[in-house]
Amino acid sequence: MKLKDVLYAVIVGLVILIGWLFFSKKEKLEKANRIIKRLRKDKHEVMSAYLSLFQKHLNSQQNIDVGLIFEIEKLKSNYNKLDFDTHIELEGIIEYLDTGKAVEAVQKLAKLVENKLKEKSENEEQFKGNRMLHNLLVSACKFGWIDERQKENGLQLKEVRNKESHELDVNEDSKTIGQCIYAGIDILYSLK
């Protein structure tokens, strides 16, 4: 009986050790993710501070075009409008564009727009139907969150996203990709 008890003790000890190693690794990953998120938030705050400094510098100059200062103010206000998670997603979209994966960037942007519309529509009691991108865009226009032009551009964004999801080797012209990227970002800024 003592050998049997020793075997049970060894097995229980191994299970505890394996469980501890697994949870330790999971805790390390969670800690690393928290650190990365904090660093990205710090980057966001630094970027906002740089825009403020740049704006002050431009204001101190004498021969600066007023339109340039207006554009910096617009960029600064828009930069602060989007929440932190949206900025992280937009960074990923920019990476796709930088590596020549424009259709994938549109697909990711469409997902982001869809999720933001879902969040906003959860508080809307009058929303009817499934929370799919098409229905969300139509309802967003109806509720006045976006205008008719944004809705039509958003539907084009949805079409490119659907092509990427259902077809092989999708190639869109740069004009369409540009319109989709503009439409998605325009909608995101309108929702805040």
N, C-alpha and C. Protein backbone atom coordinates (compact mmCIF):
# COMPACT_ATOMS: atom_id res chain seq x y z
N MET A 1 0.81 -1.19 0.00
CA MET A 1 0.00 0.00 0.00
C MET A 1 0.85 1.26 0.00
N LYS A 2 1.98 1.21 0.57
CA LYS A 2 2.82 2.39 0.60
C LYS A 2 3.29 2.77 -0.79
N LEU A 3 3.61 1.80 -1.63
CA LEU A 3 4.03 2.08 -2.99
C LEU A 3 2.90 2.74 -3.78
N LYS A 4 1.69 2.26 -3.55
CA LYS A 4 0.53 2.84 -4.21
C LYS A 4 0.33 4.29 -3.77
N ASP A 5 0.48 4.56 -2.50
CA ASP A 5 0.34 5.92 -1.98
C ASP A 5 1.42 6.83 -2.54
N VAL A 6 2.64 6.30 -2.68
CA VAL A 6 3.74 7.08 -3.24
C VAL A 6 3.46 7.41 -4.70
N LEU A 7 2.95 6.44 -5.46
CA LEU A 7 2.61 6.69 -6.86
C LEU A 7 1.53 7.77 -6.99
N TYR A 8 0.50 7.69 -6.14
CA TYR A 8 -0.53 8.73 -6.16
C TYR A 8 0.06 10.09 -5.82
N ALA A 9 0.93 10.13 -4.87
CA ALA A 9 1.55 11.39 -4.47
C ALA A 9 2.39 11.97 -5.62
N VAL A 10 3.14 11.08 -6.32
CA VAL A 10 3.96 11.52 -7.46
C VAL A 10 3.07 12.04 -8.58
N ILE A 11 1.99 11.33 -8.87
CA ILE A 11 1.07 11.74 -9.94
C ILE A 11 0.42 13.09 -9.58
N VAL A 12 -0.04 13.22 -8.35
CA VAL A 12 -0.63 14.49 -7.91
C VAL A 12 0.40 15.60 -7.99
N GLY A 13 1.62 15.33 -7.59
CA GLY A 13 2.70 16.33 -7.66
C GLY A 13 2.97 16.75 -9.09
N LEU A 14 3.01 15.79 -10.03
CA LEU A 14 3.23 16.11 -11.44
C LEU A 14 2.09 16.94 -12.02
N VAL A 15 0.86 16.60 -11.65
CA VAL A 15 -0.30 17.36 -12.12
C VAL A 15 -0.21 18.80 -11.61
N ILE A 16 0.13 18.97 -10.36
CA ILE A 16 0.27 20.31 -9.79
C ILE A 16 1.38 21.08 -10.49
N LEU A 17 2.52 20.42 -10.75
CA LEU A 17 3.65 21.07 -11.42
C LEU A 17 3.27 21.49 -12.84
N ILE A 18 2.62 20.60 -13.58
CA ILE A 18 2.20 20.93 -14.95
C ILE A 18 1.18 22.07 -14.93
N GLY A 19 0.23 22.02 -14.01
CA GLY A 19 -0.75 23.08 -13.90
C GLY A 19 -0.10 24.41 -13.56
N TRP A 20 0.85 24.40 -12.66
CA TRP A 20 1.56 25.63 -12.28
C TRP A 20 2.33 26.19 -13.47
N LEU A 21 3.01 25.32 -14.23
CA LEU A 21 3.75 25.77 -15.41
C LEU A 21 2.82 26.37 -16.45
N PHE A 22 1.67 25.72 -16.66
CA PHE A 22 0.71 26.22 -17.63
C PHE A 22 0.18 27.59 -17.23
N PHE A 23 -0.26 27.72 -15.98
CA PHE A 23 -0.80 29.01 -15.52
C PHE A 23 0.28 30.08 -15.43
N SER A 24 1.51 29.68 -15.12
CA SER A 24 2.61 30.64 -15.09
C SER A 24 2.85 31.22 -16.47
N LYS A 25 2.82 30.34 -17.49
CA LYS A 25 3.01 30.80 -18.87
C LYS A 25 1.85 31.71 -19.29
N LYS A 26 0.64 31.35 -18.90
CA LYS A 26 -0.53 32.16 -19.24
C LYS A 26 -0.43 33.53 -18.57
N GLU A 27 0.01 33.57 -17.31
CA GLU A 27 0.17 34.84 -16.61
C GLU A 27 1.23 35.70 -17.27
N LYS A 28 2.32 35.08 -17.73
CA LYS A 28 3.38 35.83 -18.41
C LYS A 28 2.86 36.44 -19.71
N LEU A 29 2.07 35.68 -20.46
CA LEU A 29 1.50 36.21 -21.70
C LEU A 29 0.54 37.37 -21.41
N GLU A 30 -0.28 37.22 -20.39
CA GLU A 30 -1.20 38.30 -20.04
C GLU A 30 -0.44 39.55 -19.60
N LYS A 31 0.63 39.35 -18.84
CA LYS A 31 1.45 40.48 -18.39
C LYS A 31 2.11 41.16 -19.58
N ALA A 32 2.63 40.36 -20.52
CA ALA A 32 3.26 40.93 -21.72
C ALA A 32 2.23 41.71 -22.53
N ASN A 33 1.01 41.19 -22.65
CA ASN A 33 -0.04 41.90 -23.39
C ASN A 33 -0.41 43.22 -22.70
N ARG A 34 -0.46 43.22 -21.36
CA ARG A 34 -0.75 44.46 -20.64
C ARG A 34 0.36 45.49 -20.87
N ILE A 35 1.61 45.03 -20.86
CA ILE A 35 2.73 45.94 -21.09
C ILE A 35 2.68 46.52 -22.49
N ILE A 36 2.41 45.68 -23.50
CA ILE A 36 2.32 46.14 -24.88
C ILE A 36 1.19 47.16 -25.02
N LYS A 37 0.05 46.87 -24.41
CA LYS A 37 -1.07 47.80 -24.50
C LYS A 37 -0.72 49.13 -23.84
N ARG A 38 -0.05 49.08 -22.69
CA ARG A 38 0.35 50.32 -22.01
C ARG A 38 1.33 51.12 -22.87
N LEU A 39 2.28 50.42 -23.51
CA LEU A 39 3.24 51.10 -24.37
C LEU A 39 2.55 51.75 -25.56
N ARG A 40 1.58 51.07 -26.13
CA ARG A 40 0.84 51.65 -27.25
C ARG A 40 0.04 52.86 -26.80
N LYS A 41 -0.53 52.79 -25.60
CA LYS A 41 -1.27 53.93 -25.07
C LYS A 41 -0.32 55.10 -24.85
N ASP A 42 0.87 54.82 -24.32
CA ASP A 42 1.87 55.88 -24.14
C ASP A 42 2.24 56.50 -25.49
N LYS A 43 2.37 55.66 -26.52
CA LYS A 43 2.69 56.16 -27.86
C LYS A 43 1.58 57.07 -28.35
N HIS A 44 0.35 56.69 -28.10
CA HIS A 44 -0.81 57.50 -28.49
C HIS A 44 -0.74 58.86 -27.80
N GLU A 45 -0.46 58.88 -26.50
CA GLU A 45 -0.39 60.13 -25.75
C GLU A 45 0.77 60.99 -26.23
N VAL A 46 1.91 60.36 -26.55
CA VAL A 46 3.07 61.10 -27.05
C VAL A 46 2.74 61.73 -28.40
N MET A 47 2.07 60.99 -29.27
CA MET A 47 1.70 61.52 -30.59
C MET A 47 0.80 62.74 -30.43
N SER A 48 -0.15 62.65 -29.53
CA SER A 48 -1.05 63.78 -29.29
C SER A 48 -0.26 64.99 -28.77
N ALA A 49 0.69 64.74 -27.89
CA ALA A 49 1.52 65.83 -27.36
C ALA A 49 2.37 66.45 -28.47
N TYR A 50 2.93 65.62 -29.36
CA TYR A 50 3.72 66.14 -30.48
C TYR A 50 2.88 67.02 -31.39
N LEU A 51 1.66 66.61 -31.65
CA LEU A 51 0.78 67.43 -32.48
C LEU A 51 0.50 68.78 -31.82
N SER A 52 0.33 68.77 -30.50
CA SER A 52 0.13 70.04 -29.78
C SER A 52 1.35 70.94 -29.89
N LEU A 53 2.54 70.35 -29.71
CA LEU A 53 3.77 71.13 -29.82
C LEU A 53 3.95 71.68 -31.24
N PHE A 54 3.67 70.85 -32.24
CA PHE A 54 3.80 71.27 -33.62
C PHE A 54 2.84 72.43 -33.91
N GLN A 55 1.63 72.33 -33.38
CA GLN A 55 0.65 73.39 -33.59
C GLN A 55 1.14 74.69 -32.93
N LYS A 56 1.69 74.61 -31.72
CA LYS A 56 2.22 75.81 -31.06
C LYS A 56 3.36 76.41 -31.86
N HIS A 57 4.22 75.56 -32.40
CA HIS A 57 5.33 76.04 -33.22
C HIS A 57 4.81 76.77 -34.45
N LEU A 58 3.83 76.19 -35.12
CA LEU A 58 3.28 76.83 -36.31
C LEU A 58 2.62 78.17 -35.98
N ASN A 59 1.96 78.21 -34.84
CA ASN A 59 1.32 79.46 -34.43
C ASN A 59 2.35 80.56 -34.16
N SER A 60 3.56 80.17 -33.75
CA SER A 60 4.59 81.16 -33.46
C SER A 60 5.29 81.67 -34.72
N GLN A 61 5.14 80.97 -35.82
CA GLN A 61 5.76 81.39 -37.08
C GLN A 61 4.93 82.48 -37.74
N GLN A 62 5.59 83.32 -38.52
CA GLN A 62 4.88 84.47 -39.10
C GLN A 62 4.29 84.19 -40.48
N ASN A 63 4.98 83.45 -41.30
CA ASN A 63 4.54 83.28 -42.69
C ASN A 63 3.91 81.90 -42.95
N ILE A 64 3.16 81.40 -42.00
CA ILE A 64 2.56 80.08 -42.14
C ILE A 64 1.13 80.23 -42.66
N ASP A 65 0.80 79.38 -43.62
CA ASP A 65 -0.55 79.38 -44.19
C ASP A 65 -1.56 78.99 -43.11
N VAL A 66 -2.64 79.72 -43.01
CA VAL A 66 -3.68 79.46 -42.01
C VAL A 66 -4.31 78.10 -42.25
N GLY A 67 -4.39 77.70 -43.52
CA GLY A 67 -4.96 76.40 -43.85
C GLY A 67 -4.17 75.25 -43.25
N LEU A 68 -2.85 75.40 -43.19
CA LEU A 68 -2.00 74.36 -42.60
C LEU A 68 -2.30 74.23 -41.10
N ILE A 69 -2.43 75.35 -40.43
CA ILE A 69 -2.74 75.32 -39.00
C ILE A 69 -4.12 74.69 -38.79
N PHE A 70 -5.07 75.03 -39.65
CA PHE A 70 -6.41 74.44 -39.55
C PHE A 70 -6.34 72.92 -39.72
N GLU A 71 -5.55 72.45 -40.69
CA GLU A 71 -5.43 71.01 -40.91
C GLU A 71 -4.79 70.30 -39.71
N ILE A 72 -3.80 70.95 -39.08
CA ILE A 72 -3.18 70.36 -37.89
C ILE A 72 -4.20 70.29 -36.76
N GLU A 73 -4.99 71.33 -36.59
CA GLU A 73 -6.03 71.31 -35.56
C GLU A 73 -7.05 70.20 -35.83
N LYS A 74 -7.40 70.05 -37.09
CA LYS A 74 -8.36 69.00 -37.47
C LYS A 74 -7.77 67.62 -37.20
N LEU A 75 -6.50 67.43 -37.57
CA LEU A 75 -5.84 66.15 -37.32
C LEU A 75 -5.78 65.86 -35.83
N LYS A 76 -5.43 66.87 -35.06
CA LYS A 76 -5.32 66.70 -33.62
C LYS A 76 -6.67 66.34 -33.00
N SER A 77 -7.73 67.03 -33.41
CA SER A 77 -9.04 66.72 -32.85
C SER A 77 -9.52 65.35 -33.29
N ASN A 78 -9.27 64.99 -34.53
CA ASN A 78 -9.67 63.66 -35.00
C ASN A 78 -8.85 62.57 -34.35
N TYR A 79 -7.57 62.84 -34.12
CA TYR A 79 -6.70 61.83 -33.51
C TYR A 79 -7.20 61.48 -32.13
N ASN A 80 -7.69 62.46 -31.41
CA ASN A 80 -8.17 62.22 -30.05
C ASN A 80 -9.60 61.69 -30.01
N LYS A 81 -10.32 61.74 -31.12
CA LYS A 81 -11.70 61.28 -31.13
C LYS A 81 -11.80 59.76 -31.03
N LEU A 82 -10.89 59.05 -31.65
CA LEU A 82 -10.98 57.60 -31.69
C LEU A 82 -10.42 57.00 -30.41
N ASP A 83 -11.04 55.92 -29.97
CA ASP A 83 -10.56 55.27 -28.76
C ASP A 83 -9.27 54.51 -29.04
N PHE A 84 -8.61 54.12 -27.98
CA PHE A 84 -7.29 53.50 -28.07
C PHE A 84 -7.31 52.21 -28.89
N ASP A 85 -8.29 51.35 -28.67
CA ASP A 85 -8.35 50.09 -29.41
C ASP A 85 -8.54 50.31 -30.90
N THR A 86 -9.28 51.34 -31.27
CA THR A 86 -9.45 51.67 -32.68
C THR A 86 -8.13 52.09 -33.29
N HIS A 87 -7.35 52.86 -32.54
CA HIS A 87 -6.02 53.26 -33.03
C HIS A 87 -5.13 52.04 -33.27
N ILE A 88 -5.19 51.07 -32.38
CA ILE A 88 -4.38 49.86 -32.55
C ILE A 88 -4.81 49.12 -33.82
N GLU A 89 -6.12 49.00 -34.03
CA GLU A 89 -6.62 48.34 -35.24
C GLU A 89 -6.19 49.11 -36.49
N LEU A 90 -6.24 50.44 -36.44
CA LEU A 90 -5.83 51.24 -37.59
C LEU A 90 -4.34 51.07 -37.87
N GLU A 91 -3.52 50.88 -36.83
CA GLU A 91 -2.11 50.60 -37.04
C GLU A 91 -1.93 49.32 -37.85
N GLY A 92 -2.72 48.30 -37.51
CA GLY A 92 -2.66 47.04 -38.25
C GLY A 92 -3.08 47.21 -39.70
N ILE A 93 -4.07 48.05 -39.94
CA ILE A 93 -4.53 48.32 -41.30
C ILE A 93 -3.44 49.03 -42.09
N ILE A 94 -2.77 49.98 -41.45
CA ILE A 94 -1.67 50.68 -42.11
C ILE A 94 -0.55 49.71 -42.46
N GLU A 95 -0.27 48.77 -41.58
CA GLU A 95 0.76 47.76 -41.88
C GLU A 95 0.38 46.94 -43.11
N TYR A 96 -0.90 46.56 -43.22
CA TYR A 96 -1.35 45.84 -44.41
C TYR A 96 -1.12 46.68 -45.67
N LEU A 97 -1.46 47.97 -45.59
CA LEU A 97 -1.28 48.83 -46.75
C LEU A 97 0.20 48.98 -47.10
N ASP A 98 1.04 49.11 -46.08
CA ASP A 98 2.48 49.26 -46.31
C ASP A 98 3.10 48.02 -46.96
N THR A 99 2.54 46.85 -46.69
CA THR A 99 3.09 45.62 -47.26
C THR A 99 2.39 45.20 -48.54
N GLY A 100 1.55 46.08 -49.10
CA GLY A 100 0.91 45.77 -50.38
C GLY A 100 -0.30 44.87 -50.27
N LYS A 101 -0.86 44.71 -49.09
CA LYS A 101 -2.04 43.87 -48.90
C LYS A 101 -3.27 44.77 -48.73
N ALA A 102 -3.57 45.50 -49.80
CA ALA A 102 -4.62 46.52 -49.73
C ALA A 102 -6.00 45.91 -49.52
N VAL A 103 -6.31 44.81 -50.18
CA VAL A 103 -7.64 44.21 -50.04
C VAL A 103 -7.82 43.67 -48.62
N GLU A 104 -6.77 43.11 -48.05
CA GLU A 104 -6.83 42.64 -46.67
C GLU A 104 -7.03 43.82 -45.71
N ALA A 105 -6.42 44.96 -46.03
CA ALA A 105 -6.60 46.16 -45.21
C ALA A 105 -8.05 46.60 -45.24
N VAL A 106 -8.67 46.55 -46.42
CA VAL A 106 -10.08 46.92 -46.54
C VAL A 106 -10.94 45.95 -45.74
N GLN A 107 -10.62 44.67 -45.80
CA GLN A 107 -11.37 43.66 -45.05
C GLN A 107 -11.29 43.93 -43.55
N LYS A 108 -10.09 44.22 -43.07
CA LYS A 108 -9.91 44.50 -41.64
C LYS A 108 -10.62 45.79 -41.25
N LEU A 109 -10.57 46.80 -42.11
CA LEU A 109 -11.25 48.06 -41.83
C LEU A 109 -12.77 47.86 -41.79
N ALA A 110 -13.29 47.05 -42.70
CA ALA A 110 -14.72 46.76 -42.71
C ALA A 110 -15.14 46.07 -41.42
N LYS A 111 -14.30 45.16 -40.93
CA LYS A 111 -14.60 44.49 -39.66
C LYS A 111 -14.63 45.50 -38.52
N LEU A 112 -13.68 46.43 -38.52
CA LEU A 112 -13.63 47.45 -37.49
C LEU A 112 -14.88 48.34 -37.53
N VAL A 113 -15.26 48.78 -38.73
CA VAL A 113 -16.46 49.60 -38.88
C VAL A 113 -17.68 48.83 -38.40
N GLU A 114 -17.78 47.57 -38.80
CA GLU A 114 -18.92 46.75 -38.40
C GLU A 114 -19.00 46.63 -36.87
N ASN A 115 -17.87 46.38 -36.22
CA ASN A 115 -17.87 46.24 -34.77
C ASN A 115 -18.24 47.55 -34.07
N LYS A 116 -17.75 48.68 -34.58
CA LYS A 116 -18.09 49.97 -33.98
C LYS A 116 -19.58 50.27 -34.16
N LEU A 117 -20.12 49.93 -35.33
CA LEU A 117 -21.56 50.12 -35.55
C LEU A 117 -22.38 49.20 -34.64
N LYS A 118 -21.91 47.98 -34.43
CA LYS A 118 -22.60 47.07 -33.51
C LYS A 118 -22.63 47.65 -32.11
N GLU A 119 -21.48 48.16 -31.64
CA GLU A 119 -21.42 48.76 -30.31
C GLU A 119 -22.42 49.90 -30.18
N LYS A 120 -22.45 50.76 -31.18
CA LYS A 120 -23.34 51.93 -31.13
C LYS A 120 -24.80 51.50 -31.22
N SER A 121 -25.09 50.46 -31.99
CA SER A 121 -26.48 50.05 -32.18
C SER A 121 -27.04 49.28 -30.99
N GLU A 122 -26.17 48.79 -30.12
CA GLU A 122 -26.66 48.05 -28.94
C GLU A 122 -27.52 48.92 -28.05
N ASN A 123 -27.25 50.21 -28.03
CA ASN A 123 -28.02 51.13 -27.19
C ASN A 123 -29.25 51.69 -27.89
N GLU A 124 -29.41 51.33 -29.15
CA GLU A 124 -30.53 51.86 -29.94
C GLU A 124 -31.69 50.87 -29.91
N GLU A 125 -32.78 51.28 -29.26
CA GLU A 125 -33.94 50.40 -29.11
C GLU A 125 -34.68 50.19 -30.42
N GLN A 126 -34.60 51.15 -31.35
CA GLN A 126 -35.34 51.07 -32.60
C GLN A 126 -34.64 50.22 -33.65
N PHE A 127 -33.46 49.70 -33.36
CA PHE A 127 -32.73 48.90 -34.34
C PHE A 127 -33.48 47.59 -34.58
N LYS A 128 -33.71 47.29 -35.84
CA LYS A 128 -34.41 46.06 -36.23
C LYS A 128 -33.50 45.23 -37.13
N GLY A 129 -33.60 43.92 -37.04
CA GLY A 129 -32.87 43.03 -37.93
C GLY A 129 -31.54 42.56 -37.35
N ASN A 130 -30.86 41.77 -38.17
CA ASN A 130 -29.56 41.25 -37.78
C ASN A 130 -28.53 42.36 -37.80
N ARG A 131 -27.56 42.25 -36.94
CA ARG A 131 -26.49 43.25 -36.89
C ARG A 131 -25.37 42.87 -37.85
N MET A 132 -25.70 42.91 -39.15
CA MET A 132 -24.72 42.68 -40.20
C MET A 132 -24.38 44.03 -40.80
N LEU A 133 -23.23 44.11 -41.47
CA LEU A 133 -22.73 45.40 -41.93
C LEU A 133 -23.75 46.17 -42.77
N HIS A 134 -24.42 45.49 -43.70
CA HIS A 134 -25.40 46.17 -44.54
C HIS A 134 -26.50 46.80 -43.70
N ASN A 135 -27.11 46.01 -42.81
CA ASN A 135 -28.18 46.52 -41.96
C ASN A 135 -27.68 47.63 -41.03
N LEU A 136 -26.46 47.47 -40.55
CA LEU A 136 -25.89 48.48 -39.65
C LEU A 136 -25.69 49.80 -40.37
N LEU A 137 -25.19 49.75 -41.61
CA LEU A 137 -24.99 50.98 -42.38
C LEU A 137 -26.31 51.68 -42.69
N VAL A 138 -27.31 50.91 -43.11
CA VAL A 138 -28.62 51.48 -43.43
C VAL A 138 -29.23 52.12 -42.17
N SER A 139 -29.14 51.41 -41.05
CA SER A 139 -29.70 51.94 -39.80
C SER A 139 -28.92 53.16 -39.32
N ALA A 140 -27.60 53.13 -39.46
CA ALA A 140 -26.78 54.27 -39.04
C ALA A 140 -27.18 55.53 -39.82
N CYS A 141 -27.48 55.36 -41.09
CA CYS A 141 -27.93 56.49 -41.90
C CYS A 141 -29.32 56.95 -41.43
N LYS A 142 -30.18 56.00 -41.17
CA LYS A 142 -31.54 56.32 -40.72
C LYS A 142 -31.52 57.06 -39.38
N PHE A 143 -30.61 56.66 -38.47
CA PHE A 143 -30.52 57.28 -37.15
C PHE A 143 -29.72 58.58 -37.16
N GLY A 144 -29.11 58.92 -38.32
CA GLY A 144 -28.37 60.17 -38.43
C GLY A 144 -26.93 60.10 -37.93
N TRP A 145 -26.42 58.89 -37.73
CA TRP A 145 -25.02 58.75 -37.29
C TRP A 145 -24.07 59.02 -38.46
N ILE A 146 -24.51 58.64 -39.66
CA ILE A 146 -23.74 58.89 -40.88
C ILE A 146 -24.70 59.45 -41.92
N ASP A 147 -24.16 60.08 -42.97
CA ASP A 147 -25.04 60.62 -44.01
C ASP A 147 -25.17 59.61 -45.16
N GLU A 148 -25.96 59.97 -46.15
CA GLU A 148 -26.23 59.06 -47.28
C GLU A 148 -24.97 58.72 -48.05
N ARG A 149 -24.09 59.71 -48.27
CA ARG A 149 -22.84 59.47 -48.98
C ARG A 149 -21.97 58.46 -48.22
N GLN A 150 -21.88 58.61 -46.91
CA GLN A 150 -21.10 57.68 -46.10
C GLN A 150 -21.69 56.27 -46.16
N LYS A 151 -23.02 56.20 -46.17
CA LYS A 151 -23.68 54.89 -46.26
C LYS A 151 -23.31 54.21 -47.59
N GLU A 152 -23.41 54.95 -48.69
CA GLU A 152 -23.10 54.37 -50.01
C GLU A 152 -21.63 53.94 -50.08
N ASN A 153 -20.74 54.77 -49.56
CA ASN A 153 -19.32 54.40 -49.54
C ASN A 153 -19.08 53.21 -48.64
N GLY A 154 -19.81 53.14 -47.53
CA GLY A 154 -19.71 51.99 -46.63
C GLY A 154 -20.18 50.71 -47.28
N LEU A 155 -21.22 50.82 -48.12
CA LEU A 155 -21.69 49.63 -48.84
C LEU A 155 -20.65 49.14 -49.85
N GLN A 156 -19.92 50.08 -50.44
CA GLN A 156 -18.82 49.68 -51.33
C GLN A 156 -17.72 48.98 -50.52
N LEU A 157 -17.44 49.47 -49.35
CA LEU A 157 -16.49 48.83 -48.44
C LEU A 157 -16.93 47.40 -48.14
N LYS A 158 -18.22 47.23 -47.90
CA LYS A 158 -18.78 45.90 -47.63
C LYS A 158 -18.61 44.97 -48.84
N GLU A 159 -18.83 45.51 -50.05
CA GLU A 159 -18.70 44.68 -51.26
C GLU A 159 -17.27 44.16 -51.43
N VAL A 160 -16.28 45.03 -51.21
CA VAL A 160 -14.88 44.59 -51.35
C VAL A 160 -14.55 43.58 -50.26
N ARG A 161 -15.05 43.81 -49.06
CA ARG A 161 -14.83 42.86 -47.97
C ARG A 161 -15.41 41.49 -48.31
N ASN A 162 -16.62 41.49 -48.86
CA ASN A 162 -17.27 40.23 -49.22
C ASN A 162 -16.52 39.51 -50.34
N LYS A 163 -16.03 40.27 -51.32
CA LYS A 163 -15.24 39.65 -52.38
C LYS A 163 -14.02 38.95 -51.80
N GLU A 164 -13.32 39.64 -50.90
CA GLU A 164 -12.12 39.08 -50.29
C GLU A 164 -12.45 37.83 -49.49
N SER A 165 -13.62 37.82 -48.87
CA SER A 165 -14.01 36.67 -48.05
C SER A 165 -14.45 35.47 -48.87
N HIS A 166 -14.99 35.70 -50.07
CA HIS A 166 -15.61 34.61 -50.81
C HIS A 166 -14.92 34.24 -52.13
N GLU A 167 -13.98 35.04 -52.58
CA GLU A 167 -13.32 34.76 -53.85
C GLU A 167 -11.83 34.58 -53.65
N LEU A 168 -11.21 33.94 -54.64
CA LEU A 168 -9.76 33.75 -54.60
C LEU A 168 -9.06 34.87 -55.36
N ASP A 169 -7.91 35.25 -54.87
CA ASP A 169 -7.03 36.22 -55.54
C ASP A 169 -7.78 37.46 -56.01
N VAL A 170 -8.35 38.18 -55.07
CA VAL A 170 -9.11 39.40 -55.38
C VAL A 170 -8.14 40.55 -55.64
N ASN A 171 -8.32 41.20 -56.76
CA ASN A 171 -7.54 42.39 -57.09
C ASN A 171 -8.50 43.53 -57.39
N GLU A 172 -8.37 44.59 -56.63
CA GLU A 172 -9.19 45.78 -56.84
C GLU A 172 -8.27 46.91 -57.30
N ASP A 173 -8.82 47.81 -58.10
CA ASP A 173 -8.00 48.95 -58.54
C ASP A 173 -7.74 49.89 -57.37
N SER A 174 -6.68 50.66 -57.48
CA SER A 174 -6.26 51.51 -56.37
C SER A 174 -7.30 52.58 -56.04
N LYS A 175 -8.06 53.01 -57.02
CA LYS A 175 -9.11 54.01 -56.77
C LYS A 175 -10.17 53.44 -55.83
N THR A 176 -10.61 52.21 -56.09
CA THR A 176 -11.62 51.57 -55.24
C THR A 176 -11.08 51.36 -53.83
N ILE A 177 -9.83 50.90 -53.75
CA ILE A 177 -9.21 50.68 -52.44
C ILE A 177 -9.14 52.00 -51.68
N GLY A 178 -8.71 53.05 -52.35
CA GLY A 178 -8.62 54.36 -51.71
C GLY A 178 -9.97 54.85 -51.21
N GLN A 179 -11.01 54.67 -52.04
CA GLN A 179 -12.35 55.08 -51.63
C GLN A 179 -12.82 54.29 -50.42
N CYS A 180 -12.51 52.99 -50.40
CA CYS A 180 -12.92 52.15 -49.28
C CYS A 180 -12.21 52.56 -47.99
N ILE A 181 -10.92 52.81 -48.09
CA ILE A 181 -10.16 53.21 -46.91
C ILE A 181 -10.70 54.54 -46.39
N TYR A 182 -10.90 55.49 -47.30
CA TYR A 182 -11.44 56.79 -46.91
C TYR A 182 -12.82 56.61 -46.26
N ALA A 183 -13.67 55.80 -46.89
CA ALA A 183 -15.04 55.60 -46.38
C ALA A 183 -15.02 55.03 -44.98
N GLY A 184 -14.19 54.01 -44.76
CA GLY A 184 -14.14 53.38 -43.43
C GLY A 184 -13.69 54.35 -42.36
N ILE A 185 -12.63 55.10 -42.63
CA ILE A 185 -12.12 56.05 -41.65
C ILE A 185 -13.12 57.18 -41.43
N ASP A 186 -13.74 57.63 -42.50
CA ASP A 186 -14.77 58.67 -42.40
C ASP A 186 -15.91 58.23 -41.50
N ILE A 187 -16.36 57.01 -41.67
CA ILE A 187 -17.44 56.48 -40.83
C ILE A 187 -17.00 56.38 -39.37
N LEU A 188 -15.78 55.89 -39.16
CA LEU A 188 -15.27 55.77 -37.78
C LEU A 188 -15.26 57.11 -37.07
N TYR A 189 -14.80 58.16 -37.76
CA TYR A 189 -14.78 59.48 -37.14
C TYR A 189 -16.19 60.02 -36.90
N SER A 190 -17.13 59.66 -37.76
CA SER A 190 -18.51 60.13 -37.58
C SER A 190 -19.21 59.47 -36.40
N LEU A 191 -18.77 58.29 -36.03
CA LEU A 191 -19.44 57.56 -34.95
C LEU A 191 -19.05 58.07 -33.57
N LYS A 192 -18.04 58.88 -33.47
CA LYS A 192 -17.58 59.36 -32.15
C LYS A 192 -18.22 60.65 -31.80
